[in-house]
PDB file of all heavy atoms in Angstrom:
ATOM      1  N   SER A   1      84.688  99.565 118.576  1.00  0.00           N
ATOM      2  CA  SER A   1      84.050 100.691 117.903  1.00  0.00           C
ATOM      3  C   SER A   1      82.921 100.202 117.086  1.00  0.00           C
ATOM      4  O   SER A   1      81.959 101.011 116.850  1.00  0.00           O
ATOM      5  CB  SER A   1      85.117 101.310 117.016  1.00  0.00           C
ATOM      6  OG  SER A   1      85.665 100.456 115.994  1.00  0.00           O
ATOM      7  N   TYR A   2      82.937  99.038 116.560  1.00  0.00           N
ATOM      8  CA  TYR A   2      81.750  98.544 115.804  1.00  0.00           C
ATOM      9  C   TYR A   2      80.528  98.379 116.780  1.00  0.00           C
ATOM     10  O   TYR A   2      79.473  98.715 116.333  1.00  0.00           O
ATOM     11  CB  TYR A   2      82.050  97.058 115.201  1.00  0.00           C
ATOM     12  CG  TYR A   2      80.975  96.459 114.546  1.00  0.00           C
ATOM     13  CD1 TYR A   2      80.705  96.852 113.193  1.00  0.00           C
ATOM     14  CD2 TYR A   2      80.170  95.546 115.091  1.00  0.00           C
ATOM     15  CE1 TYR A   2      79.671  96.264 112.519  1.00  0.00           C
ATOM     16  CE2 TYR A   2      79.039  94.983 114.394  1.00  0.00           C
ATOM     17  CZ  TYR A   2      78.818  95.394 113.128  1.00  0.00           C
ATOM     18  OH  TYR A   2      77.739  94.828 112.435  1.00  0.00           O
ATOM     19  N   GLY A   3      80.772  97.969 117.978  1.00  0.00           N
ATOM     20  CA  GLY A   3      79.638  97.881 118.952  1.00  0.00           C
ATOM     21  C   GLY A   3      79.279  99.170 119.556  1.00  0.00           C
ATOM     22  O   GLY A   3      78.069  99.378 119.789  1.00  0.00           O
ATOM     23  N   VAL A   4      80.177 100.065 119.778  1.00  0.00           N
ATOM     24  CA  VAL A   4      79.897 101.364 120.518  1.00  0.00           C
ATOM     25  C   VAL A   4      79.559 102.468 119.522  1.00  0.00           C
ATOM     26  O   VAL A   4      78.674 103.199 119.733  1.00  0.00           O
ATOM     27  CB  VAL A   4      81.073 101.725 121.487  1.00  0.00           C
ATOM     28  CG1 VAL A   4      80.786 103.096 122.018  1.00  0.00           C
ATOM     29  CG2 VAL A   4      81.231 100.588 122.510  1.00  0.00           C
ATOM     30  N   SER A   5      80.450 102.654 118.535  1.00  0.00           N
ATOM     31  CA  SER A   5      80.261 103.782 117.662  1.00  0.00           C
ATOM     32  C   SER A   5      79.875 103.496 116.249  1.00  0.00           C
ATOM     33  O   SER A   5      79.227 104.301 115.562  1.00  0.00           O
ATOM     34  CB  SER A   5      81.645 104.566 117.564  1.00  0.00           C
ATOM     35  OG  SER A   5      82.519 103.899 116.871  1.00  0.00           O
ATOM     36  N   GLY A   6      80.203 102.353 115.779  1.00  0.00           N
ATOM     37  CA  GLY A   6      79.887 101.967 114.392  1.00  0.00           C
ATOM     38  C   GLY A   6      80.835 102.565 113.390  1.00  0.00           C
ATOM     39  O   GLY A   6      80.760 102.206 112.205  1.00  0.00           O
ATOM     40  N   SER A   7      81.694 103.456 113.789  1.00  0.00           N
ATOM     41  CA  SER A   7      82.677 104.043 112.798  1.00  0.00           C
ATOM     42  C   SER A   7      84.094 103.391 113.041  1.00  0.00           C
ATOM     43  O   SER A   7      84.901 103.987 113.644  1.00  0.00           O
ATOM     44  CB  SER A   7      82.739 105.549 113.035  1.00  0.00           C
ATOM     45  OG  SER A   7      83.554 106.174 112.085  1.00  0.00           O
ATOM     46  N   VAL A   8      84.130 102.158 112.459  1.00  0.00           N
ATOM     47  CA  VAL A   8      85.344 101.407 112.688  1.00  0.00           C
ATOM     48  C   VAL A   8      86.516 102.035 112.026  1.00  0.00           C
ATOM     49  O   VAL A   8      87.595 102.085 112.597  1.00  0.00           O
ATOM     50  CB  VAL A   8      85.133  99.970 112.110  1.00  0.00           C
ATOM     51  CG1 VAL A   8      86.332  99.122 112.310  1.00  0.00           C
ATOM     52  CG2 VAL A   8      83.899  99.300 112.748  1.00  0.00           C
ATOM     53  N   LEU A   9      86.450 102.560 110.774  1.00  0.00           N
ATOM     54  CA  LEU A   9      87.509 103.062 110.107  1.00  0.00           C
ATOM     55  C   LEU A   9      88.164 104.243 110.709  1.00  0.00           C
ATOM     56  O   LEU A   9      89.384 104.396 110.850  1.00  0.00           O
ATOM     57  CB  LEU A   9      87.196 103.468 108.584  1.00  0.00           C
ATOM     58  CG  LEU A   9      88.217 103.985 107.752  1.00  0.00           C
ATOM     59  CD1 LEU A   9      89.356 102.980 107.588  1.00  0.00           C
ATOM     60  CD2 LEU A   9      87.681 104.405 106.369  1.00  0.00           C
ATOM     61  N   ALA A  10      87.314 105.202 111.244  1.00  0.00           N
ATOM     62  CA  ALA A  10      87.786 106.376 111.954  1.00  0.00           C
ATOM     63  C   ALA A  10      88.577 106.010 113.179  1.00  0.00           C
ATOM     64  O   ALA A  10      89.650 106.536 113.554  1.00  0.00           O
ATOM     65  CB  ALA A  10      86.671 107.276 112.292  1.00  0.00           C
ATOM     66  N   ALA A  11      88.042 105.062 114.023  1.00  0.00           N
ATOM     67  CA  ALA A  11      88.635 104.631 115.224  1.00  0.00           C
ATOM     68  C   ALA A  11      89.956 103.932 115.057  1.00  0.00           C
ATOM     69  O   ALA A  11      90.920 104.259 115.624  1.00  0.00           O
ATOM     70  CB  ALA A  11      87.697 103.699 115.966  1.00  0.00           C
ATOM     71  N   ILE A  12      89.976 103.088 114.030  1.00  0.00           N
ATOM     72  CA  ILE A  12      91.258 102.326 113.646  1.00  0.00           C
ATOM     73  C   ILE A  12      92.329 103.365 113.184  1.00  0.00           C
ATOM     74  O   ILE A  12      93.489 103.180 113.447  1.00  0.00           O
ATOM     75  CB  ILE A  12      90.986 101.203 112.683  1.00  0.00           C
ATOM     76  CG1 ILE A  12      90.253 100.051 113.372  1.00  0.00           C
ATOM     77  CG2 ILE A  12      92.233 100.674 112.129  1.00  0.00           C
ATOM     78  CD1 ILE A  12      89.889  98.879 112.403  1.00  0.00           C
ATOM     79  N   SER A  13      91.836 104.338 112.372  1.00  0.00           N
ATOM     80  CA  SER A  13      92.828 105.338 111.822  1.00  0.00           C
ATOM     81  C   SER A  13      93.524 106.077 112.893  1.00  0.00           C
ATOM     82  O   SER A  13      94.668 106.319 112.908  1.00  0.00           O
ATOM     83  CB  SER A  13      92.107 106.148 110.845  1.00  0.00           C
ATOM     84  OG  SER A  13      91.628 105.443 109.705  1.00  0.00           O
ATOM     85  N   VAL A  14      92.677 106.534 113.872  1.00  0.00           N
ATOM     86  CA  VAL A  14      93.138 107.291 115.065  1.00  0.00           C
ATOM     87  C   VAL A  14      94.159 106.508 115.846  1.00  0.00           C
ATOM     88  O   VAL A  14      95.295 106.893 116.232  1.00  0.00           O
ATOM     89  CB  VAL A  14      92.045 107.764 115.891  1.00  0.00           C
ATOM     90  CG1 VAL A  14      92.640 108.369 117.293  1.00  0.00           C
ATOM     91  CG2 VAL A  14      91.196 108.817 115.160  1.00  0.00           C
ATOM     92  N   PHE A  15      93.788 105.290 116.170  1.00  0.00           N
ATOM     93  CA  PHE A  15      94.673 104.379 116.888  1.00  0.00           C
ATOM     94  C   PHE A  15      95.972 104.017 116.136  1.00  0.00           C
ATOM     95  O   PHE A  15      96.998 103.906 116.783  1.00  0.00           O
ATOM     96  CB  PHE A  15      93.905 103.115 117.271  1.00  0.00           C
ATOM     97  CG  PHE A  15      94.667 102.291 118.368  1.00  0.00           C
ATOM     98  CD1 PHE A  15      94.940 102.823 119.575  1.00  0.00           C
ATOM     99  CD2 PHE A  15      94.949 100.925 118.164  1.00  0.00           C
ATOM    100  CE1 PHE A  15      95.671 102.141 120.579  1.00  0.00           C
ATOM    101  CE2 PHE A  15      95.553 100.152 119.099  1.00  0.00           C
ATOM    102  CZ  PHE A  15      95.853 100.799 120.355  1.00  0.00           C
ATOM    103  N   ALA A  16      95.914 103.897 114.842  1.00  0.00           N
ATOM    104  CA  ALA A  16      97.052 103.562 114.067  1.00  0.00           C
ATOM    105  C   ALA A  16      98.082 104.755 114.137  1.00  0.00           C
ATOM    106  O   ALA A  16      99.291 104.570 114.189  1.00  0.00           O
ATOM    107  CB  ALA A  16      96.663 103.325 112.606  1.00  0.00           C
ATOM    108  N   VAL A  17      97.530 106.028 114.136  1.00  0.00           N
ATOM    109  CA  VAL A  17      98.416 107.120 114.317  1.00  0.00           C
ATOM    110  C   VAL A  17      99.062 107.127 115.630  1.00  0.00           C
ATOM    111  O   VAL A  17     100.282 107.353 115.868  1.00  0.00           O
ATOM    112  CB  VAL A  17      97.664 108.452 114.064  1.00  0.00           C
ATOM    113  CG1 VAL A  17      98.464 109.677 114.509  1.00  0.00           C
ATOM    114  CG2 VAL A  17      97.184 108.639 112.614  1.00  0.00           C
ATOM    115  N   VAL A  18      98.340 106.754 116.745  1.00  0.00           N
ATOM    116  CA  VAL A  18      98.867 106.723 118.067  1.00  0.00           C
ATOM    117  C   VAL A  18      99.925 105.652 118.105  1.00  0.00           C
ATOM    118  O   VAL A  18     101.094 105.873 118.661  1.00  0.00           O
ATOM    119  CB  VAL A  18      97.771 106.349 119.075  1.00  0.00           C
ATOM    120  CG1 VAL A  18      98.343 106.098 120.507  1.00  0.00           C
ATOM    121  CG2 VAL A  18      96.766 107.490 119.125  1.00  0.00           C
ATOM    122  N   ILE A  19      99.768 104.512 117.482  1.00  0.00           N
ATOM    123  CA  ILE A  19     100.732 103.405 117.447  1.00  0.00           C
ATOM    124  C   ILE A  19     102.001 103.912 116.798  1.00  0.00           C
ATOM    125  O   ILE A  19     103.151 103.637 117.359  1.00  0.00           O
ATOM    126  CB  ILE A  19     100.195 102.205 116.721  1.00  0.00           C
ATOM    127  CG1 ILE A  19      99.095 101.507 117.528  1.00  0.00           C
ATOM    128  CG2 ILE A  19     101.273 101.191 116.417  1.00  0.00           C
ATOM    129  CD1 ILE A  19      98.376 100.350 116.843  1.00  0.00           C
ATOM    130  N   ALA A  20     101.871 104.556 115.664  1.00  0.00           N
ATOM    131  CA  ALA A  20     103.063 105.092 115.003  1.00  0.00           C
ATOM    132  C   ALA A  20     103.862 106.108 115.793  1.00  0.00           C
ATOM    133  O   ALA A  20     105.108 106.011 115.851  1.00  0.00           O
ATOM    134  CB  ALA A  20     102.681 105.780 113.677  1.00  0.00           C
ATOM    135  N   LEU A  21     103.130 107.045 116.438  1.00  0.00           N
ATOM    136  CA  LEU A  21     103.899 108.029 117.328  1.00  0.00           C
ATOM    137  C   LEU A  21     104.516 107.279 118.523  1.00  0.00           C
ATOM    138  O   LEU A  21     105.600 107.688 118.938  1.00  0.00           O
ATOM    139  CB  LEU A  21     102.889 109.102 117.740  1.00  0.00           C
ATOM    140  CG  LEU A  21     102.377 109.982 116.594  1.00  0.00           C
ATOM    141  CD1 LEU A  21     101.269 110.972 117.143  1.00  0.00           C
ATOM    142  CD2 LEU A  21     103.532 110.773 115.956  1.00  0.00           C
ATOM    143  N   CYS A  22     103.763 106.353 119.079  1.00  0.00           N
ATOM    144  CA  CYS A  22     104.276 105.690 120.244  1.00  0.00           C
ATOM    145  C   CYS A  22     105.631 104.867 119.931  1.00  0.00           C
ATOM    146  O   CYS A  22     106.602 104.875 120.641  1.00  0.00           O
ATOM    147  CB  CYS A  22     103.276 104.707 120.743  1.00  0.00           C
ATOM    148  SG  CYS A  22     103.703 103.816 122.297  1.00  0.00           S
ATOM    149  N   LEU A  23     105.635 104.201 118.725  1.00  0.00           N
ATOM    150  CA  LEU A  23     106.824 103.492 118.261  1.00  0.00           C
ATOM    151  C   LEU A  23     107.903 104.473 118.040  1.00  0.00           C
ATOM    152  O   LEU A  23     109.150 104.156 118.394  1.00  0.00           O
ATOM    153  CB  LEU A  23     106.444 102.811 116.935  1.00  0.00           C
ATOM    154  CG  LEU A  23     107.672 101.974 116.294  1.00  0.00           C
ATOM    155  CD1 LEU A  23     108.109 100.960 117.225  1.00  0.00           C
ATOM    156  CD2 LEU A  23     107.204 101.342 114.960  1.00  0.00           C
ATOM    157  N   ARG A  24     107.668 105.608 117.487  1.00  0.00           N
ATOM    158  CA  ARG A  24     108.733 106.614 117.347  1.00  0.00           C
ATOM    159  C   ARG A  24     109.342 106.983 118.756  1.00  0.00           C
ATOM    160  O   ARG A  24     110.518 107.132 118.802  1.00  0.00           O
ATOM    161  CB  ARG A  24     108.118 107.809 116.709  1.00  0.00           C
ATOM    162  CG  ARG A  24     109.216 108.939 116.437  1.00  0.00           C
ATOM    163  CD  ARG A  24     108.620 110.138 115.842  1.00  0.00           C
ATOM    164  NE  ARG A  24     109.532 111.245 115.682  1.00  0.00           N
ATOM    165  CZ  ARG A  24     109.260 112.486 115.252  1.00  0.00           C
ATOM    166  NH1 ARG A  24     108.031 112.816 115.020  1.00  0.00           N
ATOM    167  NH2 ARG A  24     110.195 113.346 115.138  1.00  0.00           N
ATOM    168  N   GLY A  25     108.494 107.156 119.718  1.00  0.00           N
ATOM    169  CA  GLY A  25     109.006 107.511 121.073  1.00  0.00           C
ATOM    170  C   GLY A  25     109.857 106.365 121.601  1.00  0.00           C
ATOM    171  O   GLY A  25     110.892 106.643 122.339  1.00  0.00           O
ATOM    172  N   LEU A  26     109.444 105.089 121.448  1.00  0.00           N
ATOM    173  CA  LEU A  26     110.078 103.974 121.862  1.00  0.00           C
ATOM    174  C   LEU A  26     111.560 103.946 121.333  1.00  0.00           C
ATOM    175  O   LEU A  26     112.574 103.732 122.048  1.00  0.00           O
ATOM    176  CB  LEU A  26     109.350 102.727 121.604  1.00  0.00           C
ATOM    177  CG  LEU A  26     108.269 102.237 122.504  1.00  0.00           C
ATOM    178  CD1 LEU A  26     107.595 101.001 121.957  1.00  0.00           C
ATOM    179  CD2 LEU A  26     108.789 101.980 123.924  1.00  0.00           C
ATOM    180  N   LEU A  27     111.647 104.119 119.995  1.00  0.00           N
ATOM    181  CA  LEU A  27     112.892 104.112 119.305  1.00  0.00           C
ATOM    182  C   LEU A  27     113.796 105.162 119.659  1.00  0.00           C
ATOM    183  O   LEU A  27     115.061 105.019 119.590  1.00  0.00           O
ATOM    184  CB  LEU A  27     112.597 103.960 117.798  1.00  0.00           C
ATOM    185  CG  LEU A  27     111.889 102.732 117.279  1.00  0.00           C
ATOM    186  CD1 LEU A  27     111.557 102.909 115.814  1.00  0.00           C
ATOM    187  CD2 LEU A  27     112.754 101.481 117.521  1.00  0.00           C
TER     188      LEU A  27
END
C-alpha cells in the first residue's frame, strides 16, 4: 500500500478487520 496507494493506515485497518472476522469464522 505504501508503494501503490500511499495510504498505509487505511489499508492496514481494513485488512485487520478482515483478519478479525476470519479468525471468528475459524473458531
